[in-house]
Amino acid sequence: MDSTVEVSRPPARGIGALDNVRAVFWHSYRHLFPPHSLAAQTPNGSVVISWSIMDDPHAKYPYAAPVMLRFDEALLEAMRKAALPQRVRLAKRHETSLREGLRGYDPFAQFPNARVVVIG
């Protein structure tokens, strides 16, 4: 993520749009997901990530089983108070938690339950 982006910029408006803090997490972690993945913020502040798998011969459903990121409130507060370069460092520091949370995840699961990973 470009560290020259203004930290005080208001969050994007719209259903599912990521706020400024969650956008940093997504930009820091999107390399762990297929390039066409989409992330959306839920009303409770979690981030849901999924992608189309329609073209895959193993796919039973049109979309991968979703991955839901839930965030520790203390981490979110630290992110809100931090300048953008510090936010990026904080997010990257928690990448190992996401990697561990994705261990054994199957986007083609016969019963596509969301994989929930707590960050923080």
PDB file of N, CA and C in Angstrom:
ATOM      1  N   MET A   1       0.851  -1.177   0.000  1.00  0.00           N
ATOM      2  CA  MET A   1       0.000   0.000   0.000  1.00  0.00           C
ATOM      3  C   MET A   1       0.888   1.228   0.000  1.00  0.00           C
ATOM      4  N   ASP A   2       0.520   2.213  -0.759  1.00  0.00           N
ATOM      5  CA  ASP A   2       1.302   3.441  -0.870  1.00  0.00           C
ATOM      6  C   ASP A   2       1.239   4.201   0.446  1.00  0.00           C
ATOM      7  N   SER A   3       2.401   4.431   1.068  1.00  0.00           N
ATOM      8  CA  SER A   3       2.431   5.096   2.365  1.00  0.00           C
ATOM      9  C   SER A   3       2.223   6.599   2.263  1.00  0.00           C
ATOM     10  N   THR A   4       2.029   7.127   1.041  1.00  0.00           N
ATOM     11  CA  THR A   4       1.776   8.556   0.901  1.00  0.00           C
ATOM     12  C   THR A   4       0.292   8.887   0.957  1.00  0.00           C
ATOM     13  N   VAL A   5      -0.558   7.874   1.047  1.00  0.00           N
ATOM     14  CA  VAL A   5      -2.000   8.105   1.119  1.00  0.00           C
ATOM     15  C   VAL A   5      -2.314   8.832   2.411  1.00  0.00           C
ATOM     16  N   GLU A   6      -3.179   9.793   2.330  1.00  0.00           N
ATOM     17  CA  GLU A   6      -3.530  10.588   3.503  1.00  0.00           C
ATOM     18  C   GLU A   6      -4.302   9.744   4.506  1.00  0.00           C
ATOM     19  N   VAL A   7      -3.826   9.719   5.754  1.00  0.00           N
ATOM     20  CA  VAL A   7      -4.430   8.907   6.804  1.00  0.00           C
ATOM     21  C   VAL A   7      -5.820   9.408   7.172  1.00  0.00           C
ATOM     22  N   SER A   8      -6.057  10.709   7.098  1.00  0.00           N
ATOM     23  CA  SER A   8      -7.334  11.258   7.535  1.00  0.00           C
ATOM     24  C   SER A   8      -8.421  11.159   6.470  1.00  0.00           C
ATOM     25  N   ARG A   9      -8.098  10.569   5.320  1.00  0.00           N
ATOM     26  CA  ARG A   9      -9.093  10.427   4.249  1.00  0.00           C
ATOM     27  C   ARG A   9     -10.308   9.678   4.787  1.00  0.00           C
ATOM     28  N   PRO A  10     -11.518  10.149   4.499  1.00  0.00           N
ATOM     29  CA  PRO A  10     -12.708   9.454   4.996  1.00  0.00           C
ATOM     30  C   PRO A  10     -12.836   8.092   4.331  1.00  0.00           C
ATOM     31  N   PRO A  11     -13.461   7.126   5.021  1.00  0.00           N
ATOM     32  CA  PRO A  11     -13.630   5.808   4.436  1.00  0.00           C
ATOM     33  C   PRO A  11     -14.538   5.864   3.212  1.00  0.00           C
ATOM     34  N   ALA A  12     -14.324   4.914   2.308  1.00  0.00           N
ATOM     35  CA  ALA A  12     -15.179   4.823   1.123  1.00  0.00           C
ATOM     36  C   ALA A  12     -16.607   4.533   1.568  1.00  0.00           C
ATOM     37  N   ARG A  13     -17.549   5.047   0.836  1.00  0.00           N
ATOM     38  CA  ARG A  13     -18.957   4.827   1.161  1.00  0.00           C
ATOM     39  C   ARG A  13     -19.494   3.703   0.294  1.00  0.00           C
ATOM     40  N   GLY A  14     -20.421   2.972   0.819  1.00  0.00           N
ATOM     41  CA  GLY A  14     -21.049   1.923   0.044  1.00  0.00           C
ATOM     42  C   GLY A  14     -21.116   0.633   0.830  1.00  0.00           C
ATOM     43  N   ILE A  15     -22.004  -0.228   0.429  1.00  0.00           N
ATOM     44  CA  ILE A  15     -22.190  -1.497   1.097  1.00  0.00           C
ATOM     45  C   ILE A  15     -20.941  -2.350   0.922  1.00  0.00           C
ATOM     46  N   GLY A  16     -20.397  -2.816   2.006  1.00  0.00           N
ATOM     47  CA  GLY A  16     -19.240  -3.682   1.963  1.00  0.00           C
ATOM     48  C   GLY A  16     -17.913  -2.976   1.828  1.00  0.00           C
ATOM     49  N   ALA A  17     -17.913  -1.662   1.657  1.00  0.00           N
ATOM     50  CA  ALA A  17     -16.658  -0.926   1.486  1.00  0.00           C
ATOM     51  C   ALA A  17     -15.807  -1.048   2.751  1.00  0.00           C
ATOM     52  N   LEU A  18     -14.509  -1.195   2.567  1.00  0.00           N
ATOM     53  CA  LEU A  18     -13.599  -1.306   3.699  1.00  0.00           C
ATOM     54  C   LEU A  18     -13.262   0.075   4.239  1.00  0.00           C
ATOM     55  N   ASP A  19     -13.264   0.203   5.566  1.00  0.00           N
ATOM     56  CA  ASP A  19     -12.840   1.476   6.151  1.00  0.00           C
ATOM     57  C   ASP A  19     -11.315   1.581   6.026  1.00  0.00           C
ATOM     58  N   ASN A  20     -10.772   2.713   6.442  1.00  0.00           N
ATOM     59  CA  ASN A  20      -9.339   2.976   6.268  1.00  0.00           C
ATOM     60  C   ASN A  20      -8.443   1.975   6.999  1.00  0.00           C
ATOM     61  N   VAL A  21      -8.869   1.481   8.141  1.00  0.00           N
ATOM     62  CA  VAL A  21      -8.067   0.525   8.900  1.00  0.00           C
ATOM     63  C   VAL A  21      -8.115  -0.851   8.244  1.00  0.00           C
ATOM     64  N   ARG A  22      -9.303  -1.325   7.921  1.00  0.00           N
ATOM     65  CA  ARG A  22      -9.435  -2.658   7.326  1.00  0.00           C
ATOM     66  C   ARG A  22      -8.851  -2.720   5.912  1.00  0.00           C
ATOM     67  N   ALA A  23      -8.856  -1.594   5.211  1.00  0.00           N
ATOM     68  CA  ALA A  23      -8.236  -1.548   3.883  1.00  0.00           C
ATOM     69  C   ALA A  23      -6.736  -1.822   3.979  1.00  0.00           C
ATOM     70  N   VAL A  24      -6.099  -1.373   5.047  1.00  0.00           N
ATOM     71  CA  VAL A  24      -4.664  -1.633   5.233  1.00  0.00           C
ATOM     72  C   VAL A  24      -4.436  -3.132   5.442  1.00  0.00           C
ATOM     73  N   PHE A  25      -5.282  -3.765   6.248  1.00  0.00           N
ATOM     74  CA  PHE A  25      -5.159  -5.211   6.435  1.00  0.00           C
ATOM     75  C   PHE A  25      -5.311  -5.927   5.091  1.00  0.00           C
ATOM     76  N   TRP A  26      -6.345  -5.560   4.324  1.00  0.00           N
ATOM     77  CA  TRP A  26      -6.584  -6.224   3.042  1.00  0.00           C
ATOM     78  C   TRP A  26      -5.402  -6.040   2.095  1.00  0.00           C
ATOM     79  N   HIS A  27      -4.900  -4.844   1.987  1.00  0.00           N
ATOM     80  CA  HIS A  27      -3.762  -4.605   1.094  1.00  0.00           C
ATOM     81  C   HIS A  27      -2.513  -5.352   1.565  1.00  0.00           C
ATOM     82  N   SER A  28      -2.389  -5.547   2.863  1.00  0.00           N
ATOM     83  CA  SER A  28      -1.237  -6.270   3.397  1.00  0.00           C
ATOM     84  C   SER A  28      -1.352  -7.780   3.197  1.00  0.00           C
ATOM     85  N   TYR A  29      -2.578  -8.297   3.077  1.00  0.00           N
ATOM     86  CA  TYR A  29      -2.793  -9.743   3.020  1.00  0.00           C
ATOM     87  C   TYR A  29      -3.267 -10.257   1.670  1.00  0.00           C
ATOM     88  N   ARG A  30      -3.596  -9.389   0.748  1.00  0.00           N
ATOM     89  CA  ARG A  30      -4.222  -9.858  -0.493  1.00  0.00           C
ATOM     90  C   ARG A  30      -3.323 -10.771  -1.307  1.00  0.00           C
ATOM     91  N   HIS A  31      -2.007 -10.707  -1.112  1.00  0.00           N
ATOM     92  CA  HIS A  31      -1.112 -11.619  -1.828  1.00  0.00           C
ATOM     93  C   HIS A  31      -1.308 -13.077  -1.406  1.00  0.00           C
ATOM     94  N   LEU A  32      -2.003 -13.327  -0.300  1.00  0.00           N
ATOM     95  CA  LEU A  32      -2.285 -14.686   0.158  1.00  0.00           C
ATOM     96  C   LEU A  32      -3.492 -15.306  -0.546  1.00  0.00           C
ATOM     97  N   PHE A  33      -4.195 -14.517  -1.346  1.00  0.00           N
ATOM     98  CA  PHE A  33      -5.420 -14.952  -2.009  1.00  0.00           C
ATOM     99  C   PHE A  33      -5.278 -14.794  -3.521  1.00  0.00           C
ATOM    100  N   PRO A  34      -6.135 -15.464  -4.292  1.00  0.00           N
ATOM    101  CA  PRO A  34      -6.071 -15.304  -5.751  1.00  0.00           C
ATOM    102  C   PRO A  34      -6.238 -13.830  -6.150  1.00  0.00           C
ATOM    103  N   PRO A  35      -5.654 -13.434  -7.287  1.00  0.00           N
ATOM    104  CA  PRO A  35      -5.697 -12.024  -7.704  1.00  0.00           C
ATOM    105  C   PRO A  35      -7.108 -11.463  -7.890  1.00  0.00           C
ATOM    106  N   HIS A  36      -8.076 -12.308  -8.184  1.00  0.00           N
ATOM    107  CA  HIS A  36      -9.442 -11.822  -8.420  1.00  0.00           C
ATOM    108  C   HIS A  36     -10.309 -11.880  -7.153  1.00  0.00           C
ATOM    109  N   SER A  37      -9.689 -12.061  -5.990  1.00  0.00           N
ATOM    110  CA  SER A  37     -10.421 -12.082  -4.722  1.00  0.00           C
ATOM    111  C   SER A  37     -11.040 -10.727  -4.421  1.00  0.00           C
ATOM    112  N   LEU A  38     -12.153 -10.775  -3.724  1.00  0.00           N
ATOM    113  CA  LEU A  38     -12.830  -9.560  -3.285  1.00  0.00           C
ATOM    114  C   LEU A  38     -12.973  -9.595  -1.770  1.00  0.00           C
ATOM    115  N   ALA A  39     -12.869  -8.432  -1.151  1.00  0.00           N
ATOM    116  CA  ALA A  39     -13.031  -8.306   0.292  1.00  0.00           C
ATOM    117  C   ALA A  39     -14.136  -7.295   0.565  1.00  0.00           C
ATOM    118  N   ALA A  40     -14.980  -7.611   1.542  1.00  0.00           N
ATOM    119  CA  ALA A  40     -16.070  -6.715   1.931  1.00  0.00           C
ATOM    120  C   ALA A  40     -16.140  -6.660   3.450  1.00  0.00           C
ATOM    121  N   GLN A  41     -16.470  -5.497   3.961  1.00  0.00           N
ATOM    122  CA  GLN A  41     -16.609  -5.309   5.400  1.00  0.00           C
ATOM    123  C   GLN A  41     -18.047  -5.568   5.799  1.00  0.00           C
ATOM    124  N   THR A  42     -18.229  -6.342   6.858  1.00  0.00           N
ATOM    125  CA  THR A  42     -19.567  -6.625   7.372  1.00  0.00           C
ATOM    126  C   THR A  42     -19.976  -5.514   8.340  1.00  0.00           C
ATOM    127  N   PRO A  43     -21.264  -5.415   8.671  1.00  0.00           N
ATOM    128  CA  PRO A  43     -21.700  -4.381   9.612  1.00  0.00           C
ATOM    129  C   PRO A  43     -21.017  -4.456  10.978  1.00  0.00           C
ATOM    130  N   ASN A  44     -20.566  -5.659  11.390  1.00  0.00           N
ATOM    131  CA  ASN A  44     -19.908  -5.762  12.698  1.00  0.00           C
ATOM    132  C   ASN A  44     -18.402  -5.532  12.623  1.00  0.00           C
ATOM    133  N   GLY A  45     -17.872  -5.204  11.432  1.00  0.00           N
ATOM    134  CA  GLY A  45     -16.470  -4.856  11.295  1.00  0.00           C
ATOM    135  C   GLY A  45     -15.559  -5.980  10.843  1.00  0.00           C
ATOM    136  N   SER A  46     -16.097  -7.167  10.637  1.00  0.00           N
ATOM    137  CA  SER A  46     -15.287  -8.258  10.097  1.00  0.00           C
ATOM    138  C   SER A  46     -15.078  -8.017   8.608  1.00  0.00           C
ATOM    139  N   VAL A  47     -14.118  -8.713   8.035  1.00  0.00           N
ATOM    140  CA  VAL A  47     -13.870  -8.638   6.600  1.00  0.00           C
ATOM    141  C   VAL A  47     -14.079 -10.038   6.024  1.00  0.00           C
ATOM    142  N   VAL A  48     -14.914 -10.132   4.991  1.00  0.00           N
ATOM    143  CA  VAL A  48     -15.184 -11.403   4.325  1.00  0.00           C
ATOM    144  C   VAL A  48     -14.469 -11.384   2.977  1.00  0.00           C
ATOM    145  N   ILE A  49     -13.734 -12.466   2.695  1.00  0.00           N
ATOM    146  CA  ILE A  49     -12.966 -12.579   1.460  1.00  0.00           C
ATOM    147  C   ILE A  49     -13.426 -13.819   0.708  1.00  0.00           C
ATOM    148  N   SER A  50     -13.673 -13.673  -0.576  1.00  0.00           N
ATOM    149  CA  SER A  50     -14.009 -14.814  -1.418  1.00  0.00           C
ATOM    150  C   SER A  50     -13.636 -14.489  -2.854  1.00  0.00           C
ATOM    151  N   TRP A  51     -13.802 -15.471  -3.727  1.00  0.00           N
ATOM    152  CA  TRP A  51     -13.459 -15.299  -5.144  1.00  0.00           C
ATOM    153  C   TRP A  51     -14.216 -16.334  -5.954  1.00  0.00           C
ATOM    154  N   SER A  52     -14.371 -16.033  -7.213  1.00  0.00           N
ATOM    155  CA  SER A  52     -15.058 -16.932  -8.127  1.00  0.00           C
ATOM    156  C   SER A  52     -14.186 -18.160  -8.399  1.00  0.00           C
ATOM    157  N   ILE A  53     -14.834 -19.340  -8.383  1.00  0.00           N
ATOM    158  CA  ILE A  53     -14.138 -20.581  -8.735  1.00  0.00           C
ATOM    159  C   ILE A  53     -14.919 -21.335  -9.817  1.00  0.00           C
ATOM    160  N   MET A  54     -15.840 -20.626 -10.476  1.00  0.00           N
ATOM    161  CA  MET A  54     -16.707 -21.255 -11.477  1.00  0.00           C
ATOM    162  C   MET A  54     -15.933 -21.985 -12.568  1.00  0.00           C
ATOM    163  N   ASP A  55     -14.780 -21.481 -12.944  1.00  0.00           N
ATOM    164  CA  ASP A  55     -14.021 -22.072 -14.047  1.00  0.00           C
ATOM    165  C   ASP A  55     -13.198 -23.290 -13.626  1.00  0.00           C
ATOM    166  N   ASP A  56     -13.172 -23.604 -12.342  1.00  0.00           N
ATOM    167  CA  ASP A  56     -12.374 -24.728 -11.874  1.00  0.00           C
ATOM    168  C   ASP A  56     -13.191 -26.021 -11.961  1.00  0.00           C
ATOM    169  N   PRO A  57     -12.621 -27.079 -12.511  1.00  0.00           N
ATOM    170  CA  PRO A  57     -13.368 -28.336 -12.650  1.00  0.00           C
ATOM    171  C   PRO A  57     -13.730 -28.987 -11.315  1.00  0.00           C
ATOM    172  N   HIS A  58     -13.065 -28.621 -10.213  1.00  0.00           N
ATOM    173  CA  HIS A  58     -13.362 -29.178  -8.895  1.00  0.00           C
ATOM    174  C   HIS A  58     -14.469 -28.414  -8.175  1.00  0.00           C
ATOM    175  N   ALA A  59     -14.924 -27.323  -8.752  1.00  0.00           N
ATOM    176  CA  ALA A  59     -15.869 -26.442  -8.061  1.00  0.00           C
ATOM    177  C   ALA A  59     -17.291 -26.994  -8.099  1.00  0.00           C
ATOM    178  N   LYS A  60     -17.883 -27.086  -6.924  1.00  0.00           N
ATOM    179  CA  LYS A  60     -19.290 -27.474  -6.810  1.00  0.00           C
ATOM    180  C   LYS A  60     -20.160 -26.213  -6.716  1.00  0.00           C
ATOM    181  N   TYR A  61     -19.560 -25.144  -6.225  1.00  0.00           N
ATOM    182  CA  TYR A  61     -20.244 -23.867  -6.032  1.00  0.00           C
ATOM    183  C   TYR A  61     -19.532 -22.795  -6.856  1.00  0.00           C
ATOM    184  N   PRO A  62     -20.194 -21.676  -7.123  1.00  0.00           N
ATOM    185  CA  PRO A  62     -19.551 -20.641  -7.947  1.00  0.00           C
ATOM    186  C   PRO A  62     -18.475 -19.829  -7.227  1.00  0.00           C
ATOM    187  N   TYR A  63     -18.500 -19.829  -5.891  1.00  0.00           N
ATOM    188  CA  TYR A  63     -17.526 -19.038  -5.131  1.00  0.00           C
ATOM    189  C   TYR A  63     -16.817 -19.908  -4.102  1.00  0.00           C
ATOM    190  N   ALA A  64     -15.588 -19.540  -3.802  1.00  0.00           N
ATOM    191  CA  ALA A  64     -14.817 -20.237  -2.777  1.00  0.00           C
ATOM    192  C   ALA A  64     -15.500 -20.081  -1.423  1.00  0.00           C
ATOM    193  N   ALA A  65     -15.311 -21.080  -0.564  1.00  0.00           N
ATOM    194  CA  ALA A  65     -15.787 -20.948   0.805  1.00  0.00           C
ATOM    195  C   ALA A  65     -15.156 -19.675   1.373  1.00  0.00           C
ATOM    196  N   PRO A  66     -15.940 -18.805   1.969  1.00  0.00           N
ATOM    197  CA  PRO A  66     -15.391 -17.514   2.399  1.00  0.00           C
ATOM    198  C   PRO A  66     -14.419 -17.627   3.563  1.00  0.00           C
ATOM    199  N   VAL A  67     -13.534 -16.660   3.607  1.00  0.00           N
ATOM    200  CA  VAL A  67     -12.624 -16.483   4.739  1.00  0.00           C
ATOM    201  C   VAL A  67     -13.076 -15.212   5.439  1.00  0.00           C
ATOM    202  N   MET A  68     -13.322 -15.306   6.747  1.00  0.00           N
ATOM    203  CA  MET A  68     -13.747 -14.133   7.508  1.00  0.00           C
ATOM    204  C   MET A  68     -12.647 -13.750   8.482  1.00  0.00           C
ATOM    205  N   LEU A  69     -12.246 -12.497   8.418  1.00  0.00           N
ATOM    206  CA  LEU A  69     -11.261 -11.959   9.353  1.00  0.00           C
ATOM    207  C   LEU A  69     -11.981 -11.171  10.433  1.00  0.00           C
ATOM    208  N   ARG A  70     -11.758 -11.553  11.668  1.00  0.00           N
ATOM    209  CA  ARG A  70     -12.268 -10.795  12.811  1.00  0.00           C
ATOM    210  C   ARG A  70     -11.065 -10.165  13.489  1.00  0.00           C
ATOM    211  N   PHE A  71     -11.245  -8.974  14.000  1.00  0.00           N
ATOM    212  CA  PHE A  71     -10.122  -8.217  14.539  1.00  0.00           C
ATOM    213  C   PHE A  71     -10.288  -7.943  16.028  1.00  0.00           C
ATOM    214  N   ASP A  72      -9.190  -8.100  16.747  1.00  0.00           N
ATOM    215  CA  ASP A  72      -9.155  -7.761  18.159  1.00  0.00           C
ATOM    216  C   ASP A  72      -9.364  -6.257  18.300  1.00  0.00           C
ATOM    217  N   GLU A  73     -10.205  -5.860  19.220  1.00  0.00           N
ATOM    218  CA  GLU A  73     -10.542  -4.440  19.382  1.00  0.00           C
ATOM    219  C   GLU A  73      -9.322  -3.598  19.757  1.00  0.00           C
ATOM    220  N   ALA A  74      -8.414  -4.132  20.571  1.00  0.00           N
ATOM    221  CA  ALA A  74      -7.210  -3.374  20.938  1.00  0.00           C
ATOM    222  C   ALA A  74      -6.331  -3.130  19.711  1.00  0.00           C
ATOM    223  N   LEU A  75      -6.240  -4.102  18.817  1.00  0.00           N
ATOM    224  CA  LEU A  75      -5.462  -3.924  17.591  1.00  0.00           C
ATOM    225  C   LEU A  75      -6.116  -2.864  16.710  1.00  0.00           C
ATOM    226  N   LEU A  76      -7.445  -2.904  16.583  1.00  0.00           N
ATOM    227  CA  LEU A  76      -8.132  -1.893  15.778  1.00  0.00           C
ATOM    228  C   LEU A  76      -7.901  -0.494  16.337  1.00  0.00           C
ATOM    229  N   GLU A  77      -7.921  -0.362  17.657  1.00  0.00           N
ATOM    230  CA  GLU A  77      -7.698   0.944  18.282  1.00  0.00           C
ATOM    231  C   GLU A  77      -6.271   1.426  18.011  1.00  0.00           C
ATOM    232  N   ALA A  78      -5.303   0.528  18.107  1.00  0.00           N
ATOM    233  CA  ALA A  78      -3.915   0.899  17.808  1.00  0.00           C
ATOM    234  C   ALA A  78      -3.776   1.324  16.350  1.00  0.00           C
ATOM    235  N   MET A  79      -4.454   0.623  15.456  1.00  0.00           N
ATOM    236  CA  MET A  79      -4.414   0.968  14.032  1.00  0.00           C
ATOM    237  C   MET A  79      -5.035   2.341  13.791  1.00  0.00           C
ATOM    238  N   ARG A  80      -6.144   2.633  14.460  1.00  0.00           N
ATOM    239  CA  ARG A  80      -6.822   3.927  14.267  1.00  0.00           C
ATOM    240  C   ARG A  80      -5.916   5.089  14.684  1.00  0.00           C
ATOM    241  N   LYS A  81      -5.140   4.883  15.731  1.00  0.00           N
ATOM    242  CA  LYS A  81      -4.280   5.942  16.262  1.00  0.00           C
ATOM    243  C   LYS A  81      -2.974   6.088  15.484  1.00  0.00           C
ATOM    244  N   ALA A  82      -2.627   5.090  14.699  1.00  0.00           N
ATOM    245  CA  ALA A  82      -1.326   5.071  14.020  1.00  0.00           C
ATOM    246  C   ALA A  82      -1.370   5.800  12.682  1.00  0.00           C
ATOM    247  N   ALA A  83      -0.225   6.324  12.287  1.00  0.00           N
ATOM    248  CA  ALA A  83      -0.069   6.876  10.937  1.00  0.00           C
ATOM    249  C   ALA A  83       0.012   5.698   9.970  1.00  0.00           C
ATOM    250  N   LEU A  84      -0.196   5.973   8.696  1.00  0.00           N
ATOM    251  CA  LEU A  84      -0.272   4.906   7.697  1.00  0.00           C
ATOM    252  C   LEU A  84       0.942   3.973   7.688  1.00  0.00           C
ATOM    253  N   PRO A  85       2.179   4.472   7.717  1.00  0.00           N
ATOM    254  CA  PRO A  85       3.318   3.537   7.720  1.00  0.00           C
ATOM    255  C   PRO A  85       3.291   2.583   8.928  1.00  0.00           C
ATOM    256  N   GLN A  86       2.858   3.103  10.081  1.00  0.00           N
ATOM    257  CA  GLN A  86       2.756   2.266  11.281  1.00  0.00           C
ATOM    258  C   GLN A  86       1.626   1.254  11.124  1.00  0.00           C
ATOM    259  N   ARG A  87       0.530   1.647  10.490  1.00  0.00           N
ATOM    260  CA  ARG A  87      -0.588   0.727  10.250  1.00  0.00           C
ATOM    261  C   ARG A  87      -0.129  -0.450   9.392  1.00  0.00           C
ATOM    262  N   VAL A  88       0.632  -0.143   8.366  1.00  0.00           N
ATOM    263  CA  VAL A  88       1.124  -1.195   7.474  1.00  0.00           C
ATOM    264  C   VAL A  88       2.010  -2.158   8.260  1.00  0.00           C
ATOM    265  N   ARG A  89       2.897  -1.639   9.091  1.00  0.00           N
ATOM    266  CA  ARG A  89       3.778  -2.499   9.890  1.00  0.00           C
ATOM    267  C   ARG A  89       2.974  -3.368  10.858  1.00  0.00           C
ATOM    268  N   LEU A  90       1.956  -2.769  11.501  1.00  0.00           N
ATOM    269  CA  LEU A  90       1.114  -3.532  12.426  1.00  0.00           C
ATOM    270  C   LEU A  90       0.383  -4.663  11.697  1.00  0.00           C
ATOM    271  N   ALA A  91      -0.181  -4.358  10.546  1.00  0.00           N
ATOM    272  CA  ALA A  91      -0.906  -5.379   9.782  1.00  0.00           C
ATOM    273  C   ALA A  91       0.030  -6.508   9.377  1.00  0.00           C
ATOM    274  N   LYS A  92       1.195  -6.167   8.861  1.00  0.00           N
ATOM    275  CA  LYS A  92       2.150  -7.185   8.408  1.00  0.00           C
ATOM    276  C   LYS A  92       2.637  -8.049   9.571  1.00  0.00           C
ATOM    277  N   ARG A  93       2.696  -7.467  10.750  1.00  0.00           N
ATOM    278  CA  ARG A  93       3.124  -8.210  11.935  1.00  0.00           C
ATOM    279  C   ARG A  93       2.159  -9.357  12.262  1.00  0.00           C
ATOM    280  N   HIS A  94       0.914  -9.240  11.821  1.00  0.00           N
ATOM    281  CA  HIS A  94      -0.101 -10.252  12.119  1.00  0.00           C
ATOM    282  C   HIS A  94      -0.354 -11.216  10.956  1.00  0.00           C
ATOM    283  N   GLU A  95       0.453 -11.129   9.910  1.00  0.00           N
ATOM    284  CA  GLU A  95       0.271 -12.024   8.761  1.00  0.00           C
ATOM    285  C   GLU A  95       0.442 -13.490   9.145  1.00  0.00           C
ATOM    286  N   THR A  96       1.347 -13.784  10.056  1.00  0.00           N
ATOM    287  CA  THR A  96       1.545 -15.179  10.457  1.00  0.00           C
ATOM    288  C   THR A  96       0.287 -15.764  11.091  1.00  0.00           C
ATOM    289  N   SER A  97      -0.486 -14.949  11.809  1.00  0.00           N
ATOM    290  CA  SER A  97      -1.753 -15.418  12.388  1.00  0.00           C
ATOM    291  C   SER A  97      -2.718 -15.827  11.284  1.00  0.00           C
ATOM    292  N   LEU A  98      -2.782 -15.036  10.233  1.00  0.00           N
ATOM    293  CA  LEU A  98      -3.661 -15.364   9.121  1.00  0.00           C
ATOM    294  C   LEU A  98      -3.176 -16.629   8.423  1.00  0.00           C
ATOM    295  N   ARG A  99      -1.890 -16.731   8.185  1.00  0.00           N
ATOM    296  CA  ARG A  99      -1.343 -17.932   7.537  1.00  0.00           C
ATOM    297  C   ARG A  99      -1.676 -19.189   8.343  1.00  0.00           C
ATOM    298  N   GLU A 100      -1.515 -19.116   9.656  1.00  0.00           N
ATOM    299  CA  GLU A 100      -1.846 -20.262  10.509  1.00  0.00           C
ATOM    300  C   GLU A 100      -3.346 -20.554  10.467  1.00  0.00           C
ATOM    301  N   GLY A 101      -4.146 -19.511  10.466  1.00  0.00           N
ATOM    302  CA  GLY A 101      -5.594 -19.687  10.418  1.00  0.00           C
ATOM    303  C   GLY A 101      -6.087 -20.298   9.113  1.00  0.00           C
ATOM    304  N   LEU A 102      -5.318 -20.137   8.058  1.00  0.00           N
ATOM    305  CA  LEU A 102      -5.688 -20.699   6.759  1.00  0.00           C
ATOM    306  C   LEU A 102      -5.184 -22.125   6.564  1.00  0.00           C
ATOM    307  N   ARG A 103      -4.397 -22.619   7.489  1.00  0.00           N
ATOM    308  CA  ARG A 103      -3.864 -23.978   7.370  1.00  0.00           C
ATOM    309  C   ARG A 103      -5.026 -24.972   7.284  1.00  0.00           C
ATOM    310  N   GLY A 104      -5.046 -25.779   6.237  1.00  0.00           N
ATOM    311  CA  GLY A 104      -6.101 -26.773   6.039  1.00  0.00           C
ATOM    312  C   GLY A 104      -7.366 -26.237   5.387  1.00  0.00           C
ATOM    313  N   TYR A 105      -7.390 -24.957   5.089  1.00  0.00           N
ATOM    314  CA  TYR A 105      -8.570 -24.346   4.451  1.00  0.00           C
ATOM    315  C   TYR A 105      -8.752 -24.923   3.051  1.00  0.00           C
ATOM    316  N   ASP A 106     -10.004 -25.261   2.707  1.00  0.00           N
ATOM    317  CA  ASP A 106     -10.322 -25.808   1.388  1.00  0.00           C
ATOM    318  C   ASP A 106     -11.372 -24.933   0.720  1.00  0.00           C
ATOM    319  N   PRO A 107     -10.994 -24.141  -0.286  1.00  0.00           N
ATOM    320  CA  PRO A 107     -11.977 -23.275  -0.945  1.00  0.00           C
ATOM    321  C   PRO A 107     -13.052 -24.058  -1.687  1.00  0.00           C
ATOM    322  N   PHE A 108     -12.810 -25.349  -1.962  1.00  0.00           N
ATOM    323  CA  PHE A 108     -13.762 -26.194  -2.689  1.00  0.00           C
ATOM    324  C   PHE A 108     -14.557 -27.110  -1.764  1.00  0.00           C
ATOM    325  N   ALA A 109     -14.600 -26.809  -0.497  1.00  0.00           N
ATOM    326  CA  ALA A 109     -15.261 -27.679   0.480  1.00  0.00           C
ATOM    327  C   ALA A 109     -16.674 -28.039   0.047  1.00  0.00           C
ATOM    328  N   GLN A 110     -17.035 -29.316   0.278  1.00  0.00           N
ATOM    329  CA  GLN A 110     -18.369 -29.775  -0.090  1.00  0.00           C
ATOM    330  C   GLN A 110     -19.435 -29.022   0.694  1.00  0.00           C
ATOM    331  N   PHE A 111     -19.131 -28.694   1.944  1.00  0.00           N
ATOM    332  CA  PHE A 111     -20.020 -27.886   2.773  1.00  0.00           C
ATOM    333  C   PHE A 111     -19.265 -26.592   3.082  1.00  0.00           C
ATOM    334  N   PRO A 112     -19.438 -25.556   2.268  1.00  0.00           N
ATOM    335  CA  PRO A 112     -18.590 -24.349   2.344  1.00  0.00           C
ATOM    336  C   PRO A 112     -18.887 -23.440   3.526  1.00  0.00           C
ATOM    337  N   ASN A 113     -18.412 -23.859   4.689  1.00  0.00           N
ATOM    338  CA  ASN A 113     -18.507 -23.010   5.872  1.00  0.00           C
ATOM    339  C   ASN A 113     -17.387 -21.986   5.826  1.00  0.00           C
ATOM    340  N   ALA A 114     -17.662 -20.814   6.354  1.00  0.00           N
ATOM    341  CA  ALA A 114     -16.645 -19.764   6.385  1.00  0.00           C
ATOM    342  C   ALA A 114     -15.503 -20.174   7.305  1.00  0.00           C
ATOM    343  N   ARG A 115     -14.291 -19.887   6.883  1.00  0.00           N
ATOM    344  CA  ARG A 115     -13.123 -20.044   7.755  1.00  0.00           C
ATOM    345  C   ARG A 115     -12.982 -18.724   8.490  1.00  0.00           C
ATOM    346  N   VAL A 116     -13.043 -18.754   9.802  1.00  0.00           N
ATOM    347  CA  VAL A 116     -12.936 -17.541  10.610  1.00  0.00           C
ATOM    348  C   VAL A 116     -11.543 -17.481  11.225  1.00  0.00           C
ATOM    349  N   VAL A 117     -10.865 -16.356  11.008  1.00  0.00           N
ATOM    350  CA  VAL A 117      -9.514 -16.153  11.545  1.00  0.00           C
ATOM    351  C   VAL A 117      -9.547 -14.863  12.370  1.00  0.00           C
ATOM    352  N   VAL A 118      -9.095 -14.963  13.601  1.00  0.00           N
ATOM    353  CA  VAL A 118      -9.031 -13.792  14.466  1.00  0.00           C
ATOM    354  C   VAL A 118      -7.642 -13.193  14.364  1.00  0.00           C
ATOM    355  N   ILE A 119      -7.602 -11.902  14.064  1.00  0.00           N
ATOM    356  CA  ILE A 119      -6.345 -11.160  13.915  1.00  0.00           C
ATOM    357  C   ILE A 119      -6.175 -10.272  15.136  1.00  0.00           C
ATOM    358  N   GLY A 120      -5.070 -10.471  15.839  1.00  0.00           N
ATOM    359  CA  GLY A 120      -4.769  -9.615  16.988  1.00  0.00           C
ATOM    360  C   GLY A 120      -4.670 -10.362  18.267  1.00  0.00           C
TER     361      GLY A 120
END
